[in-house]
Every structure is written in C-alpha cells, then in structure tokens.
N, C-alpha and C. Protein backbone atom coordinates (compact mmCIF):
# COMPACT_ATOMS: atom_id res chain seq x y z
N MET A 1 1.73 1.50 -24.62
CA MET A 1 2.51 2.35 -23.75
C MET A 1 2.28 1.92 -22.30
N PRO A 2 3.37 1.75 -21.52
CA PRO A 2 3.22 1.30 -20.14
C PRO A 2 2.53 2.35 -19.27
N VAL A 3 1.80 1.84 -18.27
CA VAL A 3 1.18 2.72 -17.29
C VAL A 3 2.16 2.96 -16.15
N GLU A 4 1.92 4.02 -15.40
CA GLU A 4 2.74 4.31 -14.23
C GLU A 4 2.31 3.39 -13.09
N VAL A 5 3.26 2.90 -12.30
CA VAL A 5 2.97 2.06 -11.14
C VAL A 5 3.13 2.92 -9.88
N VAL A 6 2.08 2.92 -9.04
CA VAL A 6 2.09 3.70 -7.80
C VAL A 6 1.70 2.77 -6.66
N TYR A 7 2.51 2.76 -5.61
CA TYR A 7 2.23 1.95 -4.42
C TYR A 7 1.59 2.82 -3.35
N SER A 8 0.50 2.35 -2.78
CA SER A 8 -0.13 3.07 -1.68
C SER A 8 0.78 2.99 -0.45
N PRO A 9 0.62 3.91 0.49
CA PRO A 9 1.39 3.81 1.73
C PRO A 9 1.17 2.47 2.44
N GLU A 10 -0.04 1.93 2.37
CA GLU A 10 -0.33 0.65 3.01
C GLU A 10 0.41 -0.49 2.31
N ALA A 11 0.51 -0.45 0.98
CA ALA A 11 1.25 -1.46 0.23
C ALA A 11 2.73 -1.39 0.58
N VAL A 12 3.26 -0.19 0.74
CA VAL A 12 4.67 -0.03 1.12
C VAL A 12 4.89 -0.62 2.51
N ARG A 13 3.96 -0.36 3.43
CA ARG A 13 4.06 -0.96 4.77
C ARG A 13 3.99 -2.48 4.69
N ASP A 14 3.12 -3.00 3.82
CA ASP A 14 3.03 -4.45 3.65
C ASP A 14 4.36 -5.02 3.18
N LEU A 15 4.97 -4.39 2.17
CA LEU A 15 6.26 -4.85 1.65
C LEU A 15 7.35 -4.79 2.72
N ASP A 16 7.35 -3.72 3.49
CA ASP A 16 8.33 -3.60 4.58
C ASP A 16 8.13 -4.70 5.62
N ALA A 17 6.88 -4.99 5.95
CA ALA A 17 6.57 -6.03 6.94
C ALA A 17 6.98 -7.42 6.42
N ILE A 18 6.74 -7.67 5.14
CA ILE A 18 7.14 -8.95 4.55
C ILE A 18 8.66 -9.10 4.60
N TRP A 19 9.37 -8.04 4.21
CA TRP A 19 10.83 -8.08 4.24
C TRP A 19 11.32 -8.34 5.66
N GLU A 20 10.77 -7.60 6.61
CA GLU A 20 11.20 -7.74 8.00
C GLU A 20 10.92 -9.13 8.54
N TRP A 21 9.77 -9.68 8.22
CA TRP A 21 9.40 -11.01 8.70
C TRP A 21 10.38 -12.06 8.17
N ILE A 22 10.71 -11.99 6.89
CA ILE A 22 11.63 -12.97 6.30
C ILE A 22 13.06 -12.72 6.79
N ALA A 23 13.49 -11.48 6.78
CA ALA A 23 14.87 -11.14 7.12
C ALA A 23 15.17 -11.26 8.60
N MET A 24 14.29 -10.73 9.42
CA MET A 24 14.57 -10.67 10.86
C MET A 24 14.05 -11.89 11.62
N GLU A 25 12.81 -12.24 11.37
CA GLU A 25 12.22 -13.37 12.10
C GLU A 25 12.84 -14.70 11.69
N HIS A 26 13.22 -14.79 10.42
CA HIS A 26 13.79 -16.05 9.92
C HIS A 26 15.28 -15.94 9.63
N GLY A 27 15.85 -14.76 9.83
CA GLY A 27 17.29 -14.58 9.65
C GLY A 27 17.76 -14.77 8.22
N GLU A 28 16.92 -14.39 7.26
CA GLU A 28 17.24 -14.58 5.83
C GLU A 28 17.11 -13.28 5.04
N PRO A 29 18.00 -12.31 5.28
CA PRO A 29 17.88 -11.04 4.55
C PRO A 29 18.04 -11.18 3.04
N ARG A 30 18.88 -12.10 2.58
CA ARG A 30 19.03 -12.29 1.13
C ARG A 30 17.74 -12.85 0.53
N ALA A 31 17.12 -13.77 1.24
CA ALA A 31 15.84 -14.32 0.76
C ALA A 31 14.78 -13.24 0.76
N ALA A 32 14.78 -12.38 1.77
CA ALA A 32 13.82 -11.28 1.84
C ALA A 32 14.00 -10.35 0.64
N ASP A 33 15.25 -10.02 0.32
CA ASP A 33 15.52 -9.17 -0.84
C ASP A 33 15.00 -9.83 -2.12
N HIS A 34 15.21 -11.13 -2.24
CA HIS A 34 14.77 -11.88 -3.43
C HIS A 34 13.25 -11.86 -3.56
N VAL A 35 12.54 -12.13 -2.47
CA VAL A 35 11.07 -12.16 -2.51
C VAL A 35 10.52 -10.78 -2.87
N ILE A 36 11.00 -9.74 -2.20
CA ILE A 36 10.51 -8.39 -2.47
C ILE A 36 10.87 -7.99 -3.90
N GLY A 37 12.07 -8.29 -4.34
CA GLY A 37 12.46 -7.98 -5.71
C GLY A 37 11.57 -8.66 -6.73
N ASP A 38 11.25 -9.93 -6.51
CA ASP A 38 10.36 -10.64 -7.43
C ASP A 38 8.95 -10.05 -7.43
N LEU A 39 8.45 -9.68 -6.25
CA LEU A 39 7.13 -9.05 -6.19
C LEU A 39 7.11 -7.74 -6.99
N LEU A 40 8.12 -6.91 -6.79
CA LEU A 40 8.19 -5.64 -7.51
C LEU A 40 8.33 -5.87 -9.01
N ASP A 41 9.13 -6.86 -9.39
CA ASP A 41 9.29 -7.18 -10.81
C ASP A 41 7.98 -7.63 -11.44
N ARG A 42 7.22 -8.47 -10.72
CA ARG A 42 5.94 -8.95 -11.25
C ARG A 42 4.98 -7.79 -11.50
N VAL A 43 4.93 -6.86 -10.56
CA VAL A 43 4.06 -5.70 -10.73
C VAL A 43 4.56 -4.84 -11.88
N ASP A 44 5.86 -4.61 -11.96
CA ASP A 44 6.42 -3.79 -13.05
C ASP A 44 6.12 -4.41 -14.42
N GLU A 45 6.16 -5.74 -14.51
CA GLU A 45 5.84 -6.42 -15.78
C GLU A 45 4.42 -6.10 -16.22
N LEU A 46 3.53 -5.93 -15.28
CA LEU A 46 2.13 -5.65 -15.60
C LEU A 46 1.93 -4.24 -16.14
N ALA A 47 2.89 -3.36 -15.95
CA ALA A 47 2.75 -2.00 -16.44
C ALA A 47 2.54 -1.97 -17.96
N GLU A 48 3.06 -2.97 -18.66
CA GLU A 48 2.88 -3.06 -20.11
C GLU A 48 1.44 -3.41 -20.48
N CYS A 49 0.84 -4.29 -19.71
CA CYS A 49 -0.53 -4.73 -20.01
C CYS A 49 -1.20 -5.22 -18.72
N PRO A 50 -1.64 -4.30 -17.87
CA PRO A 50 -2.16 -4.66 -16.55
C PRO A 50 -3.40 -5.54 -16.56
N LEU A 51 -4.16 -5.50 -17.64
CA LEU A 51 -5.39 -6.28 -17.67
C LEU A 51 -5.13 -7.77 -17.92
N LEU A 52 -3.87 -8.16 -18.08
CA LEU A 52 -3.53 -9.57 -18.18
C LEU A 52 -3.57 -10.27 -16.82
N ALA A 53 -3.51 -9.50 -15.75
CA ALA A 53 -3.57 -10.07 -14.40
C ALA A 53 -4.98 -10.57 -14.10
N SER A 54 -5.05 -11.53 -13.19
CA SER A 54 -6.34 -12.11 -12.82
C SER A 54 -7.22 -11.09 -12.11
N PRO A 55 -8.50 -11.05 -12.47
CA PRO A 55 -9.43 -10.18 -11.71
C PRO A 55 -9.73 -10.82 -10.36
N LEU A 56 -9.94 -10.00 -9.36
CA LEU A 56 -10.22 -10.50 -8.02
C LEU A 56 -11.47 -11.36 -7.99
N ASP A 57 -12.46 -11.02 -8.81
CA ASP A 57 -13.70 -11.80 -8.76
C ASP A 57 -13.53 -13.21 -9.34
N ALA A 58 -12.32 -13.55 -9.79
CA ALA A 58 -12.04 -14.93 -10.21
C ALA A 58 -11.89 -15.84 -9.00
N ILE A 59 -11.61 -15.26 -7.82
CA ILE A 59 -11.42 -16.07 -6.61
C ILE A 59 -12.43 -15.78 -5.51
N CYS A 60 -13.30 -14.81 -5.73
CA CYS A 60 -14.33 -14.53 -4.73
C CYS A 60 -15.58 -14.02 -5.44
N ARG A 61 -16.66 -13.93 -4.70
CA ARG A 61 -17.92 -13.53 -5.35
C ARG A 61 -18.24 -12.05 -5.24
N ILE A 62 -17.28 -11.25 -4.86
CA ILE A 62 -17.47 -9.80 -4.79
C ILE A 62 -16.96 -9.18 -6.09
N LYS A 63 -17.81 -8.45 -6.77
CA LYS A 63 -17.40 -7.76 -8.00
C LYS A 63 -16.64 -6.50 -7.61
N SER A 64 -15.49 -6.31 -8.24
CA SER A 64 -14.69 -5.12 -7.97
C SER A 64 -13.78 -4.88 -9.18
N ASP A 65 -13.04 -3.78 -9.13
CA ASP A 65 -12.10 -3.50 -10.20
C ASP A 65 -10.68 -3.91 -9.83
N TRP A 66 -10.52 -4.61 -8.70
CA TRP A 66 -9.22 -5.09 -8.28
C TRP A 66 -8.76 -6.27 -9.12
N ARG A 67 -7.47 -6.32 -9.33
CA ARG A 67 -6.81 -7.46 -9.97
C ARG A 67 -5.65 -7.84 -9.05
N PHE A 68 -5.03 -8.98 -9.32
CA PHE A 68 -3.92 -9.38 -8.47
C PHE A 68 -2.88 -10.17 -9.25
N VAL A 69 -1.69 -10.19 -8.69
CA VAL A 69 -0.59 -10.99 -9.22
C VAL A 69 0.07 -11.68 -8.03
N VAL A 70 0.60 -12.88 -8.26
CA VAL A 70 1.17 -13.69 -7.19
C VAL A 70 2.67 -13.89 -7.42
N ALA A 71 3.43 -13.81 -6.33
CA ALA A 71 4.85 -14.15 -6.35
C ALA A 71 5.23 -14.66 -4.97
N HIS A 72 5.85 -15.83 -4.93
CA HIS A 72 6.32 -16.43 -3.67
C HIS A 72 5.23 -16.52 -2.60
N GLY A 73 4.01 -16.78 -3.01
CA GLY A 73 2.92 -16.93 -2.04
C GLY A 73 2.32 -15.62 -1.56
N TYR A 74 2.76 -14.50 -2.11
CA TYR A 74 2.20 -13.20 -1.76
C TYR A 74 1.39 -12.67 -2.93
N LEU A 75 0.31 -11.95 -2.62
CA LEU A 75 -0.56 -11.40 -3.65
C LEU A 75 -0.50 -9.88 -3.60
N ALA A 76 -0.22 -9.29 -4.75
CA ALA A 76 -0.26 -7.83 -4.87
C ALA A 76 -1.58 -7.47 -5.52
N PHE A 77 -2.41 -6.72 -4.80
CA PHE A 77 -3.73 -6.31 -5.27
C PHE A 77 -3.65 -4.89 -5.82
N PHE A 78 -4.19 -4.71 -7.01
CA PHE A 78 -4.10 -3.40 -7.64
C PHE A 78 -5.34 -3.09 -8.46
N ARG A 79 -5.48 -1.80 -8.77
CA ARG A 79 -6.53 -1.29 -9.66
C ARG A 79 -5.86 -0.46 -10.73
N VAL A 80 -6.51 -0.34 -11.87
CA VAL A 80 -5.98 0.48 -12.96
C VAL A 80 -6.96 1.62 -13.21
N HIS A 81 -6.46 2.85 -13.08
CA HIS A 81 -7.27 4.05 -13.31
C HIS A 81 -6.39 5.12 -13.94
N ASN A 82 -6.91 5.78 -14.96
CA ASN A 82 -6.24 6.93 -15.57
C ASN A 82 -4.77 6.66 -15.89
N ASP A 83 -4.51 5.60 -16.62
CA ASP A 83 -3.15 5.24 -17.02
C ASP A 83 -2.20 5.07 -15.85
N CYS A 84 -2.72 4.56 -14.75
CA CYS A 84 -1.91 4.34 -13.56
C CYS A 84 -2.32 3.02 -12.92
N LEU A 85 -1.34 2.20 -12.57
CA LEU A 85 -1.58 0.95 -11.86
C LEU A 85 -1.34 1.25 -10.38
N HIS A 86 -2.42 1.22 -9.59
CA HIS A 86 -2.36 1.54 -8.16
C HIS A 86 -2.30 0.24 -7.36
N VAL A 87 -1.16 -0.03 -6.73
CA VAL A 87 -1.03 -1.21 -5.87
C VAL A 87 -1.53 -0.81 -4.49
N ASP A 88 -2.62 -1.46 -4.07
CA ASP A 88 -3.25 -1.10 -2.80
C ASP A 88 -2.72 -1.89 -1.61
N ARG A 89 -2.50 -3.19 -1.80
CA ARG A 89 -2.03 -4.06 -0.71
C ARG A 89 -1.16 -5.16 -1.29
N VAL A 90 -0.28 -5.69 -0.46
CA VAL A 90 0.50 -6.88 -0.77
C VAL A 90 0.36 -7.79 0.45
N LEU A 91 -0.33 -8.93 0.28
CA LEU A 91 -0.70 -9.78 1.40
C LEU A 91 -0.32 -11.23 1.17
N SER A 92 -0.11 -11.93 2.25
CA SER A 92 0.22 -13.35 2.16
C SER A 92 -0.98 -14.14 1.67
N GLY A 93 -0.73 -15.08 0.78
CA GLY A 93 -1.78 -15.96 0.31
C GLY A 93 -2.28 -16.90 1.39
N LYS A 94 -1.52 -17.02 2.49
CA LYS A 94 -1.93 -17.87 3.62
C LYS A 94 -2.82 -17.13 4.61
N SER A 95 -2.92 -15.81 4.44
CA SER A 95 -3.75 -15.01 5.35
C SER A 95 -5.19 -14.95 4.84
N ASP A 96 -6.05 -14.38 5.63
CA ASP A 96 -7.42 -14.12 5.17
C ASP A 96 -7.37 -12.79 4.43
N TYR A 97 -6.72 -12.83 3.26
CA TYR A 97 -6.41 -11.61 2.51
C TYR A 97 -7.64 -10.84 2.06
N LEU A 98 -8.75 -11.50 1.77
CA LEU A 98 -9.94 -10.76 1.35
C LEU A 98 -10.51 -9.93 2.50
N ARG A 99 -10.50 -10.50 3.68
CA ARG A 99 -10.98 -9.76 4.85
C ARG A 99 -10.08 -8.55 5.10
N LYS A 100 -8.77 -8.73 4.95
CA LYS A 100 -7.83 -7.61 5.13
C LYS A 100 -8.01 -6.57 4.03
N LEU A 101 -8.17 -7.03 2.81
CA LEU A 101 -8.29 -6.13 1.67
C LEU A 101 -9.53 -5.25 1.79
N PHE A 102 -10.64 -5.85 2.19
CA PHE A 102 -11.90 -5.11 2.30
C PHE A 102 -12.11 -4.51 3.69
N GLY A 103 -11.23 -4.83 4.64
CA GLY A 103 -11.32 -4.25 5.97
C GLY A 103 -12.56 -4.63 6.74
N VAL A 104 -12.93 -5.92 6.68
CA VAL A 104 -14.12 -6.39 7.41
C VAL A 104 -13.72 -7.48 8.40
N GLU A 105 -14.55 -7.67 9.42
CA GLU A 105 -14.30 -8.70 10.43
C GLU A 105 -14.65 -10.09 9.92
N ASP A 106 -15.78 -10.22 9.25
CA ASP A 106 -16.25 -11.53 8.77
C ASP A 106 -16.10 -11.58 7.27
N GLY A 107 -15.19 -12.39 6.79
CA GLY A 107 -14.95 -12.49 5.36
C GLY A 107 -15.67 -13.64 4.69
N SER A 108 -16.55 -14.32 5.41
CA SER A 108 -17.21 -15.51 4.84
C SER A 108 -18.07 -15.19 3.63
N GLN A 109 -18.56 -13.96 3.51
CA GLN A 109 -19.41 -13.61 2.38
C GLN A 109 -18.64 -13.54 1.07
N PHE A 110 -17.30 -13.54 1.13
CA PHE A 110 -16.50 -13.40 -0.07
C PHE A 110 -16.32 -14.70 -0.85
N TYR A 111 -16.38 -15.82 -0.16
CA TYR A 111 -15.96 -17.07 -0.77
C TYR A 111 -17.10 -17.80 -1.44
N GLN A 112 -16.76 -18.44 -2.54
CA GLN A 112 -17.76 -19.15 -3.34
C GLN A 112 -18.06 -20.50 -2.76
C-alpha cells in the first residue's frame, strides 16, 4: 500500500525557487515545468516503496534516516515515518547540499 507524500514548507519553497531560476533567470518556463514535474513524479513513484531510494549515509558519513532521489541534477531528501513520506528539502546536486540540509556552516565533517 502506498504511503502518503507530504512536502515541508521548505521543500515547497525549494521547488518554487528551482522553477523560478529555470523559468525566469534562463527564460525557459517549459523546461522549468518539465524539471519540476519529473521531480514530483520521482517522489510519487517512491510512495509505493520508499525504502528503494538511496540512504543519505551512502554519500556521507553522517548516519540519519534521510533518503534521497535524483532528477535533473536535483536531490529530493525525505524521511519515512508513520506511513508518510516527508520531503524535507529539494536541492541542487551542484550545491553544498549536505551543509544546507543539516543547516551548518562547515560541511567538511560530512564527506568521506
């Protein structure tokens, strides 16, 4: 049975910022719609079996219950609790996403 997908307010802001950056800064609203649509589809696919997504500790040395999925160079970070998939952030793979995810200034302790 699929779990419910819930986006945090911060994840919604991330998605809005990604759309705006692609659509407005680069003048590609159709591309922005495509990228956001693919990100949402990837997360929705996980509702059937969220534990198929990669655990965050596969790419860093911090143990956590976060998992992630990638689409178009963006990573959607989520946790699964009480039959609900909680999307916490959606960040660019080119950014220092671990530092942003954990809200710290120095992210060097995360990398292997």
